[in-house]
N, C-alpha and C. Protein backbone atom coordinates (compact mmCIF):
# COMPACT_ATOMS: atom_id res chain seq x y z
N MET A 1 -0.71 -27.77 68.22
CA MET A 1 -1.44 -27.74 66.96
C MET A 1 -2.67 -26.85 67.13
N ARG A 2 -2.85 -25.96 66.18
CA ARG A 2 -4.02 -25.08 66.18
C ARG A 2 -4.90 -25.47 64.99
N ILE A 3 -6.19 -25.55 65.24
CA ILE A 3 -7.15 -25.94 64.21
C ILE A 3 -7.87 -24.69 63.74
N ALA A 4 -7.76 -24.39 62.45
CA ALA A 4 -8.43 -23.23 61.85
C ALA A 4 -9.54 -23.74 60.94
N THR A 5 -10.74 -23.21 61.12
CA THR A 5 -11.86 -23.60 60.27
C THR A 5 -11.80 -22.84 58.95
N THR A 6 -12.55 -23.34 57.98
CA THR A 6 -12.67 -22.68 56.68
C THR A 6 -14.16 -22.51 56.40
N ALA A 7 -14.48 -21.95 55.24
CA ALA A 7 -15.88 -21.75 54.86
C ALA A 7 -16.58 -23.07 54.51
N ILE A 8 -15.82 -24.15 54.36
CA ILE A 8 -16.40 -25.45 54.04
C ILE A 8 -16.39 -26.30 55.30
N PRO A 9 -17.57 -26.71 55.80
CA PRO A 9 -17.61 -27.53 57.01
C PRO A 9 -16.74 -28.77 56.88
N GLY A 10 -15.90 -28.99 57.87
CA GLY A 10 -15.03 -30.17 57.89
C GLY A 10 -13.68 -29.97 57.24
N VAL A 11 -13.54 -28.98 56.36
CA VAL A 11 -12.23 -28.68 55.79
C VAL A 11 -11.53 -27.77 56.79
N MET A 12 -10.41 -28.23 57.29
CA MET A 12 -9.68 -27.52 58.33
C MET A 12 -8.22 -27.34 57.93
N ARG A 13 -7.63 -26.27 58.46
CA ARG A 13 -6.19 -26.06 58.32
C ARG A 13 -5.59 -26.25 59.71
N ILE A 14 -4.62 -27.14 59.78
CA ILE A 14 -3.91 -27.38 61.03
C ILE A 14 -2.61 -26.59 60.95
N GLU A 15 -2.37 -25.80 61.99
CA GLU A 15 -1.17 -24.96 62.05
C GLU A 15 -0.29 -25.44 63.19
N VAL A 16 0.98 -25.54 62.93
CA VAL A 16 1.95 -25.87 63.96
C VAL A 16 3.09 -24.87 63.89
N THR A 17 3.82 -24.76 64.96
CA THR A 17 4.98 -23.88 64.99
C THR A 17 6.23 -24.74 65.02
N PRO A 18 6.99 -24.73 63.94
CA PRO A 18 8.23 -25.51 63.94
C PRO A 18 9.22 -24.96 64.99
N HIS A 19 9.99 -25.86 65.59
CA HIS A 19 11.06 -25.44 66.49
C HIS A 19 12.31 -25.30 65.64
N ILE A 20 12.82 -24.07 65.56
CA ILE A 20 13.97 -23.78 64.70
C ILE A 20 15.13 -23.35 65.58
N ASP A 21 16.29 -23.95 65.31
CA ASP A 21 17.51 -23.55 65.99
C ASP A 21 18.67 -23.63 65.00
N PRO A 22 19.89 -23.33 65.41
CA PRO A 22 21.01 -23.34 64.45
C PRO A 22 21.24 -24.67 63.74
N ARG A 23 20.75 -25.78 64.30
CA ARG A 23 20.94 -27.09 63.66
C ARG A 23 19.95 -27.34 62.54
N GLY A 24 18.80 -26.64 62.58
CA GLY A 24 17.75 -26.89 61.60
C GLY A 24 16.39 -26.67 62.22
N ALA A 25 15.48 -27.62 61.99
CA ALA A 25 14.11 -27.45 62.49
C ALA A 25 13.52 -28.80 62.86
N PHE A 26 12.54 -28.75 63.77
CA PHE A 26 11.77 -29.91 64.17
C PHE A 26 10.31 -29.52 64.13
N THR A 27 9.49 -30.33 63.45
CA THR A 27 8.05 -30.05 63.34
C THR A 27 7.27 -31.32 63.60
N ARG A 28 6.28 -31.24 64.47
CA ARG A 28 5.39 -32.38 64.68
C ARG A 28 4.42 -32.41 63.51
N LEU A 29 4.36 -33.52 62.80
CA LEU A 29 3.51 -33.64 61.62
C LEU A 29 2.13 -34.17 61.95
N TYR A 30 2.00 -34.94 63.01
CA TYR A 30 0.72 -35.57 63.33
C TYR A 30 0.69 -35.88 64.81
N CYS A 31 -0.45 -35.65 65.44
CA CYS A 31 -0.64 -36.01 66.84
C CYS A 31 -2.08 -36.49 67.01
N GLU A 32 -2.25 -37.78 67.20
CA GLU A 32 -3.58 -38.36 67.33
C GLU A 32 -4.37 -37.72 68.47
N ARG A 33 -3.72 -37.47 69.58
CA ARG A 33 -4.42 -36.88 70.73
C ARG A 33 -4.94 -35.49 70.41
N GLU A 34 -4.13 -34.65 69.78
CA GLU A 34 -4.56 -33.29 69.48
C GLU A 34 -5.58 -33.22 68.35
N LEU A 35 -5.62 -34.23 67.49
CA LEU A 35 -6.56 -34.25 66.39
C LEU A 35 -7.76 -35.16 66.64
N ALA A 36 -7.86 -35.69 67.85
CA ALA A 36 -8.93 -36.65 68.19
C ALA A 36 -10.31 -36.08 67.94
N SER A 37 -10.52 -34.80 68.22
CA SER A 37 -11.86 -34.22 68.01
C SER A 37 -12.23 -34.19 66.54
N LEU A 38 -11.26 -34.13 65.64
CA LEU A 38 -11.54 -34.13 64.21
C LEU A 38 -11.65 -35.55 63.65
N LEU A 39 -10.85 -36.44 64.20
CA LEU A 39 -10.83 -37.81 63.69
C LEU A 39 -12.01 -38.63 64.18
N GLY A 40 -12.51 -38.35 65.36
CA GLY A 40 -13.59 -39.16 65.91
C GLY A 40 -13.15 -40.61 66.01
N SER A 41 -13.94 -41.53 65.47
CA SER A 41 -13.60 -42.95 65.53
C SER A 41 -12.71 -43.38 64.36
N ARG A 42 -12.40 -42.46 63.46
CA ARG A 42 -11.54 -42.80 62.32
C ARG A 42 -10.11 -43.05 62.83
N ARG A 43 -9.37 -43.79 62.02
CA ARG A 43 -7.95 -43.96 62.30
C ARG A 43 -7.18 -43.88 60.99
N ILE A 44 -5.94 -43.52 61.07
CA ILE A 44 -5.09 -43.45 59.88
C ILE A 44 -4.72 -44.88 59.49
N VAL A 45 -5.07 -45.27 58.25
CA VAL A 45 -4.82 -46.64 57.79
C VAL A 45 -3.83 -46.71 56.63
N GLN A 46 -3.53 -45.57 56.03
CA GLN A 46 -2.64 -45.57 54.88
C GLN A 46 -1.94 -44.22 54.81
N ILE A 47 -0.64 -44.24 54.49
CA ILE A 47 0.13 -43.01 54.32
C ILE A 47 0.78 -43.08 52.95
N ASN A 48 0.58 -42.03 52.15
CA ASN A 48 1.13 -41.97 50.80
C ASN A 48 2.02 -40.74 50.65
N HIS A 49 2.90 -40.81 49.69
CA HIS A 49 3.83 -39.72 49.39
C HIS A 49 3.79 -39.49 47.88
N SER A 50 3.69 -38.23 47.46
CA SER A 50 3.74 -37.94 46.03
C SER A 50 4.84 -36.92 45.76
N ARG A 51 5.44 -37.04 44.60
CA ARG A 51 6.42 -36.07 44.12
C ARG A 51 5.97 -35.65 42.74
N THR A 52 5.90 -34.35 42.51
CA THR A 52 5.48 -33.84 41.21
C THR A 52 6.56 -32.88 40.73
N ALA A 53 7.08 -33.14 39.53
CA ALA A 53 8.26 -32.45 39.04
C ALA A 53 7.99 -31.05 38.49
N LYS A 54 6.93 -30.88 37.70
CA LYS A 54 6.78 -29.66 36.90
C LYS A 54 5.89 -28.61 37.55
N VAL A 55 6.36 -27.38 37.52
CA VAL A 55 5.56 -26.24 37.95
C VAL A 55 4.34 -26.13 37.04
N GLY A 56 3.18 -25.91 37.62
CA GLY A 56 1.94 -25.79 36.86
C GLY A 56 1.18 -27.10 36.76
N ALA A 57 1.82 -28.22 37.10
CA ALA A 57 1.14 -29.52 37.04
C ALA A 57 -0.01 -29.53 38.04
N VAL A 58 -1.11 -30.19 37.66
CA VAL A 58 -2.26 -30.37 38.55
C VAL A 58 -2.48 -31.86 38.72
N ARG A 59 -2.68 -32.26 39.97
CA ARG A 59 -3.11 -33.62 40.30
C ARG A 59 -4.48 -33.49 40.95
N GLY A 60 -5.46 -34.23 40.43
CA GLY A 60 -6.79 -34.18 41.03
C GLY A 60 -7.83 -33.86 39.98
N MET A 61 -9.01 -33.79 40.39
CA MET A 61 -9.63 -33.68 41.70
C MET A 61 -10.22 -35.04 42.08
N HIS A 62 -9.64 -35.70 43.07
CA HIS A 62 -9.94 -37.09 43.38
C HIS A 62 -10.76 -37.25 44.66
N TYR A 63 -11.53 -38.33 44.70
CA TYR A 63 -12.23 -38.76 45.91
C TYR A 63 -12.60 -40.22 45.75
N GLN A 64 -13.00 -40.84 46.86
CA GLN A 64 -13.51 -42.21 46.83
C GLN A 64 -14.98 -42.18 47.24
N ASN A 65 -15.79 -42.91 46.49
CA ASN A 65 -17.22 -43.00 46.78
C ASN A 65 -17.49 -43.87 48.01
N PRO A 66 -18.59 -43.57 48.73
CA PRO A 66 -19.00 -44.43 49.84
C PRO A 66 -19.26 -45.84 49.31
N PRO A 67 -19.03 -46.86 50.08
CA PRO A 67 -18.68 -46.83 51.50
C PRO A 67 -17.18 -46.73 51.76
N HIS A 68 -16.40 -46.36 50.77
CA HIS A 68 -14.95 -46.28 50.90
C HIS A 68 -14.45 -44.84 50.99
N ALA A 69 -15.36 -43.91 51.27
CA ALA A 69 -14.98 -42.50 51.38
C ALA A 69 -13.92 -42.35 52.46
N GLU A 70 -13.06 -41.38 52.28
CA GLU A 70 -11.93 -41.20 53.19
C GLU A 70 -11.75 -39.75 53.58
N MET A 71 -11.24 -39.55 54.77
CA MET A 71 -10.72 -38.25 55.18
C MET A 71 -9.24 -38.26 54.82
N LYS A 72 -8.76 -37.15 54.27
CA LYS A 72 -7.34 -37.03 53.96
C LYS A 72 -6.75 -35.90 54.79
N LEU A 73 -5.54 -36.11 55.26
CA LEU A 73 -4.76 -35.09 55.93
C LEU A 73 -3.53 -34.88 55.06
N VAL A 74 -3.34 -33.69 54.52
CA VAL A 74 -2.32 -33.45 53.50
C VAL A 74 -1.34 -32.39 53.96
N ARG A 75 -0.05 -32.68 53.77
CA ARG A 75 1.02 -31.76 54.19
C ARG A 75 2.09 -31.73 53.11
N CYS A 76 2.67 -30.56 52.87
CA CYS A 76 3.75 -30.41 51.89
C CYS A 76 5.10 -30.59 52.60
N LEU A 77 5.91 -31.50 52.09
CA LEU A 77 7.23 -31.77 52.66
C LEU A 77 8.35 -31.04 51.94
N ARG A 78 8.13 -30.74 50.66
CA ARG A 78 9.16 -30.08 49.86
C ARG A 78 8.47 -29.26 48.78
N GLY A 79 9.00 -28.08 48.49
CA GLY A 79 8.44 -27.25 47.43
C GLY A 79 7.29 -26.41 47.93
N ARG A 80 6.29 -26.25 47.06
CA ARG A 80 5.16 -25.38 47.36
C ARG A 80 4.01 -25.79 46.46
N VAL A 81 2.82 -25.97 47.05
CA VAL A 81 1.64 -26.35 46.26
C VAL A 81 0.45 -25.50 46.68
N TRP A 82 -0.50 -25.40 45.76
CA TRP A 82 -1.80 -24.77 46.01
C TRP A 82 -2.77 -25.92 46.13
N ASP A 83 -3.15 -26.24 47.36
CA ASP A 83 -3.93 -27.44 47.67
C ASP A 83 -5.40 -27.05 47.78
N ILE A 84 -6.28 -27.88 47.23
CA ILE A 84 -7.68 -27.48 47.12
C ILE A 84 -8.62 -28.62 47.51
N ALA A 85 -9.70 -28.26 48.19
CA ALA A 85 -10.78 -29.19 48.53
C ALA A 85 -12.07 -28.65 47.91
N ILE A 86 -12.86 -29.55 47.32
CA ILE A 86 -14.15 -29.18 46.72
C ILE A 86 -15.24 -29.96 47.44
N ASP A 87 -16.24 -29.27 47.93
CA ASP A 87 -17.34 -29.92 48.63
C ASP A 87 -18.33 -30.51 47.62
N LEU A 88 -18.42 -31.83 47.60
CA LEU A 88 -19.35 -32.53 46.71
C LEU A 88 -20.47 -33.21 47.49
N ARG A 89 -20.59 -32.89 48.77
CA ARG A 89 -21.56 -33.57 49.63
C ARG A 89 -22.98 -33.09 49.38
N ARG A 90 -23.83 -34.04 49.09
CA ARG A 90 -25.25 -33.77 48.91
C ARG A 90 -25.79 -33.05 50.14
N ASN A 91 -26.57 -32.01 49.93
CA ASN A 91 -27.23 -31.23 50.99
C ASN A 91 -26.27 -30.44 51.87
N SER A 92 -25.03 -30.30 51.49
CA SER A 92 -24.09 -29.50 52.28
C SER A 92 -24.35 -28.02 52.02
N PRO A 93 -24.22 -27.17 53.03
CA PRO A 93 -24.41 -25.74 52.82
C PRO A 93 -23.34 -25.13 51.90
N SER A 94 -22.23 -25.84 51.72
CA SER A 94 -21.17 -25.34 50.84
C SER A 94 -20.99 -26.22 49.60
N PHE A 95 -22.06 -26.89 49.18
CA PHE A 95 -22.05 -27.76 48.01
C PHE A 95 -21.47 -27.03 46.80
N LEU A 96 -20.49 -27.65 46.16
CA LEU A 96 -19.76 -27.17 44.98
C LEU A 96 -18.90 -25.94 45.25
N LYS A 97 -18.68 -25.61 46.49
CA LYS A 97 -17.72 -24.54 46.83
C LYS A 97 -16.35 -25.19 47.01
N TRP A 98 -15.31 -24.39 46.83
CA TRP A 98 -13.96 -24.91 47.01
C TRP A 98 -13.18 -24.00 47.95
N HIS A 99 -12.17 -24.58 48.55
CA HIS A 99 -11.26 -23.86 49.44
C HIS A 99 -9.84 -24.29 49.10
N ALA A 100 -8.94 -23.32 49.03
CA ALA A 100 -7.53 -23.63 48.71
C ALA A 100 -6.61 -22.98 49.73
N GLU A 101 -5.49 -23.62 49.95
CA GLU A 101 -4.43 -23.14 50.83
C GLU A 101 -3.10 -23.38 50.15
N GLU A 102 -2.17 -22.47 50.31
CA GLU A 102 -0.80 -22.73 49.88
C GLU A 102 -0.12 -23.51 50.99
N LEU A 103 0.40 -24.67 50.63
CA LEU A 103 1.11 -25.51 51.60
C LEU A 103 2.60 -25.50 51.27
N THR A 104 3.40 -25.28 52.30
CA THR A 104 4.86 -25.28 52.17
C THR A 104 5.46 -25.93 53.42
N PRO A 105 6.70 -26.39 53.34
CA PRO A 105 7.35 -26.85 54.57
C PRO A 105 7.51 -25.71 55.58
N GLU A 106 7.69 -24.51 55.09
CA GLU A 106 7.92 -23.36 55.98
C GLU A 106 6.66 -22.99 56.77
N ASN A 107 5.49 -22.97 56.13
CA ASN A 107 4.29 -22.62 56.91
C ASN A 107 3.77 -23.83 57.69
N ALA A 108 4.20 -25.03 57.32
CA ALA A 108 3.88 -26.27 58.03
C ALA A 108 2.37 -26.53 58.18
N TYR A 109 1.56 -25.96 57.30
CA TYR A 109 0.12 -26.21 57.35
C TYR A 109 -0.18 -27.63 56.91
N MET A 110 -1.26 -28.18 57.47
CA MET A 110 -1.81 -29.44 57.01
C MET A 110 -3.28 -29.18 56.72
N LEU A 111 -3.74 -29.60 55.56
CA LEU A 111 -5.14 -29.43 55.20
C LEU A 111 -5.88 -30.73 55.43
N ILE A 112 -7.02 -30.63 56.10
CA ILE A 112 -7.87 -31.80 56.34
C ILE A 112 -9.03 -31.72 55.36
N ILE A 113 -9.17 -32.79 54.57
CA ILE A 113 -10.24 -32.88 53.58
C ILE A 113 -11.16 -34.01 54.00
N PRO A 114 -12.40 -33.71 54.39
CA PRO A 114 -13.30 -34.76 54.88
C PRO A 114 -13.90 -35.60 53.75
N GLU A 115 -14.53 -36.68 54.16
CA GLU A 115 -15.26 -37.53 53.24
C GLU A 115 -16.27 -36.68 52.46
N GLY A 116 -16.42 -36.98 51.18
CA GLY A 116 -17.37 -36.24 50.36
C GLY A 116 -16.80 -35.01 49.70
N CYS A 117 -15.52 -34.76 49.91
CA CYS A 117 -14.85 -33.64 49.25
C CYS A 117 -13.79 -34.20 48.31
N ALA A 118 -13.70 -33.60 47.13
CA ALA A 118 -12.64 -33.95 46.19
C ALA A 118 -11.40 -33.17 46.57
N HIS A 119 -10.23 -33.72 46.22
CA HIS A 119 -8.96 -33.09 46.58
C HIS A 119 -8.03 -33.08 45.38
N GLY A 120 -7.26 -32.01 45.28
CA GLY A 120 -6.23 -31.91 44.26
C GLY A 120 -5.30 -30.78 44.60
N PHE A 121 -4.29 -30.59 43.75
CA PHE A 121 -3.33 -29.51 43.99
C PHE A 121 -2.63 -29.12 42.71
N GLN A 122 -2.07 -27.90 42.73
CA GLN A 122 -1.22 -27.42 41.64
C GLN A 122 0.17 -27.15 42.21
N VAL A 123 1.18 -27.58 41.47
CA VAL A 123 2.57 -27.41 41.90
C VAL A 123 3.03 -25.98 41.58
N LEU A 124 3.56 -25.30 42.60
CA LEU A 124 4.05 -23.93 42.44
C LEU A 124 5.58 -23.88 42.40
N ASP A 125 6.25 -24.91 42.92
CA ASP A 125 7.71 -25.05 42.87
C ASP A 125 8.03 -26.44 42.33
N GLU A 126 9.04 -26.54 41.49
CA GLU A 126 9.37 -27.85 40.93
C GLU A 126 9.79 -28.83 42.02
N GLU A 127 9.57 -30.09 41.72
CA GLU A 127 9.90 -31.20 42.62
C GLU A 127 9.21 -31.08 43.98
N SER A 128 7.94 -30.70 43.96
CA SER A 128 7.17 -30.60 45.21
C SER A 128 6.73 -31.99 45.67
N GLU A 129 6.72 -32.16 47.00
CA GLU A 129 6.36 -33.45 47.58
C GLU A 129 5.29 -33.27 48.64
N LEU A 130 4.29 -34.17 48.60
CA LEU A 130 3.20 -34.15 49.58
C LEU A 130 3.16 -35.47 50.34
N LEU A 131 2.74 -35.37 51.60
CA LEU A 131 2.49 -36.52 52.44
C LEU A 131 1.00 -36.55 52.71
N TYR A 132 0.37 -37.70 52.46
CA TYR A 132 -1.07 -37.88 52.65
C TYR A 132 -1.30 -38.93 53.73
N LEU A 133 -2.16 -38.63 54.68
CA LEU A 133 -2.62 -39.59 55.67
C LEU A 133 -4.08 -39.86 55.35
N HIS A 134 -4.46 -41.13 55.24
CA HIS A 134 -5.81 -41.52 54.82
C HIS A 134 -6.51 -42.32 55.91
N THR A 135 -7.82 -42.12 56.03
CA THR A 135 -8.61 -42.88 56.99
C THR A 135 -9.33 -44.06 56.36
N ALA A 136 -9.10 -44.31 55.10
CA ALA A 136 -9.66 -45.49 54.42
C ALA A 136 -8.63 -45.99 53.42
N PHE A 137 -8.68 -47.27 53.16
CA PHE A 137 -7.77 -47.86 52.19
C PHE A 137 -8.18 -47.46 50.77
N TYR A 138 -7.20 -47.40 49.89
CA TYR A 138 -7.46 -47.13 48.49
C TYR A 138 -8.21 -48.31 47.88
N VAL A 139 -9.33 -48.02 47.24
CA VAL A 139 -10.15 -49.03 46.58
C VAL A 139 -10.36 -48.54 45.14
N PRO A 140 -9.65 -49.13 44.17
CA PRO A 140 -9.71 -48.62 42.79
C PRO A 140 -11.12 -48.46 42.23
N GLU A 141 -12.01 -49.40 42.52
CA GLU A 141 -13.37 -49.31 41.96
C GLU A 141 -14.21 -48.24 42.64
N ALA A 142 -13.77 -47.69 43.75
CA ALA A 142 -14.49 -46.60 44.44
C ALA A 142 -13.95 -45.23 44.04
N GLU A 143 -12.83 -45.22 43.32
CA GLU A 143 -12.17 -43.97 42.93
C GLU A 143 -13.02 -43.18 41.94
N ASP A 144 -13.02 -41.88 42.11
CA ASP A 144 -13.75 -41.01 41.20
C ASP A 144 -13.05 -39.66 41.17
N GLY A 145 -13.55 -38.77 40.32
CA GLY A 145 -12.96 -37.45 40.25
C GLY A 145 -13.80 -36.50 39.43
N VAL A 146 -13.48 -35.24 39.53
CA VAL A 146 -14.11 -34.19 38.73
C VAL A 146 -13.01 -33.41 38.03
N ARG A 147 -13.38 -32.75 36.97
CA ARG A 147 -12.41 -32.00 36.16
C ARG A 147 -11.91 -30.76 36.88
N HIS A 148 -10.63 -30.51 36.71
CA HIS A 148 -10.00 -29.33 37.33
C HIS A 148 -10.53 -28.02 36.73
N ASP A 149 -11.08 -28.10 35.52
CA ASP A 149 -11.55 -26.89 34.82
C ASP A 149 -13.07 -26.89 34.66
N ASP A 150 -13.77 -27.60 35.53
CA ASP A 150 -15.23 -27.66 35.43
C ASP A 150 -15.82 -26.27 35.64
N PRO A 151 -16.60 -25.76 34.68
CA PRO A 151 -17.16 -24.42 34.81
C PRO A 151 -18.12 -24.27 35.99
N ARG A 152 -18.76 -25.36 36.43
CA ARG A 152 -19.65 -25.26 37.60
C ARG A 152 -18.87 -24.96 38.87
N LEU A 153 -17.58 -25.30 38.88
CA LEU A 153 -16.76 -25.07 40.06
C LEU A 153 -16.07 -23.71 40.02
N GLY A 154 -15.65 -23.29 38.84
CA GLY A 154 -15.01 -21.98 38.68
C GLY A 154 -13.71 -21.84 39.46
N ILE A 155 -12.90 -22.90 39.48
CA ILE A 155 -11.63 -22.83 40.21
C ILE A 155 -10.69 -21.86 39.49
N ARG A 156 -10.11 -20.98 40.26
CA ARG A 156 -9.13 -20.03 39.73
C ARG A 156 -7.73 -20.51 40.11
N TRP A 157 -7.12 -21.26 39.20
CA TRP A 157 -5.78 -21.78 39.45
C TRP A 157 -4.77 -20.65 39.41
N PRO A 158 -3.77 -20.67 40.28
CA PRO A 158 -2.82 -19.56 40.32
C PRO A 158 -1.90 -19.49 39.10
N LEU A 159 -1.68 -20.63 38.42
CA LEU A 159 -0.82 -20.68 37.24
C LEU A 159 -1.56 -21.39 36.11
N PRO A 160 -1.13 -21.19 34.88
CA PRO A 160 -1.69 -22.01 33.79
C PRO A 160 -1.40 -23.49 34.07
N VAL A 161 -2.36 -24.34 33.76
CA VAL A 161 -2.17 -25.79 33.95
C VAL A 161 -1.28 -26.29 32.83
N THR A 162 -0.11 -26.82 33.20
CA THR A 162 0.87 -27.23 32.20
C THR A 162 1.03 -28.73 32.07
N ASP A 163 0.56 -29.50 33.05
CA ASP A 163 0.75 -30.94 33.04
C ASP A 163 -0.42 -31.58 33.78
N LEU A 164 -1.04 -32.58 33.15
CA LEU A 164 -2.21 -33.23 33.70
C LEU A 164 -2.18 -34.68 33.23
N SER A 165 -2.47 -35.61 34.10
CA SER A 165 -2.48 -37.02 33.68
C SER A 165 -3.65 -37.26 32.73
N PRO A 166 -3.54 -38.27 31.86
CA PRO A 166 -4.68 -38.60 30.99
C PRO A 166 -5.95 -38.90 31.78
N ARG A 167 -5.81 -39.61 32.90
CA ARG A 167 -6.97 -39.93 33.73
C ARG A 167 -7.62 -38.65 34.25
N ASP A 168 -6.83 -37.72 34.80
CA ASP A 168 -7.40 -36.48 35.33
C ASP A 168 -8.00 -35.61 34.24
N ALA A 169 -7.43 -35.65 33.05
CA ALA A 169 -7.95 -34.86 31.93
C ALA A 169 -9.31 -35.39 31.47
N HIS A 170 -9.60 -36.66 31.77
CA HIS A 170 -10.85 -37.27 31.31
C HIS A 170 -11.90 -37.43 32.40
N HIS A 171 -11.67 -36.83 33.58
CA HIS A 171 -12.75 -36.83 34.57
C HIS A 171 -13.93 -36.09 33.95
N PRO A 172 -15.14 -36.51 34.29
CA PRO A 172 -16.30 -35.86 33.67
C PRO A 172 -16.58 -34.47 34.25
N LEU A 173 -17.19 -33.64 33.41
CA LEU A 173 -17.72 -32.37 33.91
C LEU A 173 -18.97 -32.69 34.73
N LEU A 174 -19.23 -31.87 35.72
CA LEU A 174 -20.45 -32.05 36.52
C LEU A 174 -21.65 -31.65 35.68
N THR A 175 -22.61 -32.53 35.60
CA THR A 175 -23.81 -32.24 34.83
C THR A 175 -24.80 -31.47 35.69
N ALA A 176 -25.79 -30.87 35.05
CA ALA A 176 -26.81 -30.11 35.78
C ALA A 176 -27.57 -30.98 36.76
N ASP A 177 -27.64 -32.30 36.48
CA ASP A 177 -28.38 -33.18 37.39
C ASP A 177 -27.49 -33.80 38.47
N PHE A 178 -26.24 -33.34 38.58
CA PHE A 178 -25.38 -33.82 39.68
C PHE A 178 -25.80 -33.12 40.95
N HIS A 179 -26.27 -33.90 41.91
CA HIS A 179 -26.77 -33.34 43.17
C HIS A 179 -25.92 -33.75 44.36
N GLY A 180 -24.71 -34.21 44.09
CA GLY A 180 -23.79 -34.53 45.17
C GLY A 180 -23.70 -35.99 45.48
N ILE A 181 -22.73 -36.29 46.33
CA ILE A 181 -22.52 -37.66 46.78
C ILE A 181 -22.91 -37.75 48.25
N PRO A 182 -23.37 -38.90 48.68
CA PRO A 182 -23.70 -39.03 50.09
C PRO A 182 -22.42 -38.94 50.92
N ALA A 183 -22.48 -38.22 52.03
CA ALA A 183 -21.27 -38.06 52.86
C ALA A 183 -21.27 -39.06 54.00
């Protein structure tokens, strides 16, 4: 596993090389020992799987507020997505900046989204599936989000947004007095 940094502190791309032979392929999806420097004392406590049918659909931008903030490790198992992390951490040098990666089974990238960053994605191929590893349990009352089209963020989605849940459509825009969340 190779760890690639991004312009946002703590947002990392993990690269692996799948073993491919005439039978198919084998890819290591997670290795606690190799990711120990990133995980620190955290541990994976929940694993989720999502399937999104329509091209252009956006899920996000989600996060959990402290003390239930979580690190997410996200990998695409099927299809193709444009996965994005937004830095919402108070006093971060990359506050309100975003970073995106195209995730596919073929490139086998995994994006690490640290606590204090919102996460979401846009589906580029129909029936795309993601695997999420979480370092905190889902707590509904700690859940929060920001709008995918917030002008303060200026996210440039690769496709027109064609499908959005009612909840995601009603996330608030960031106000001028939003100064971040504690990380």
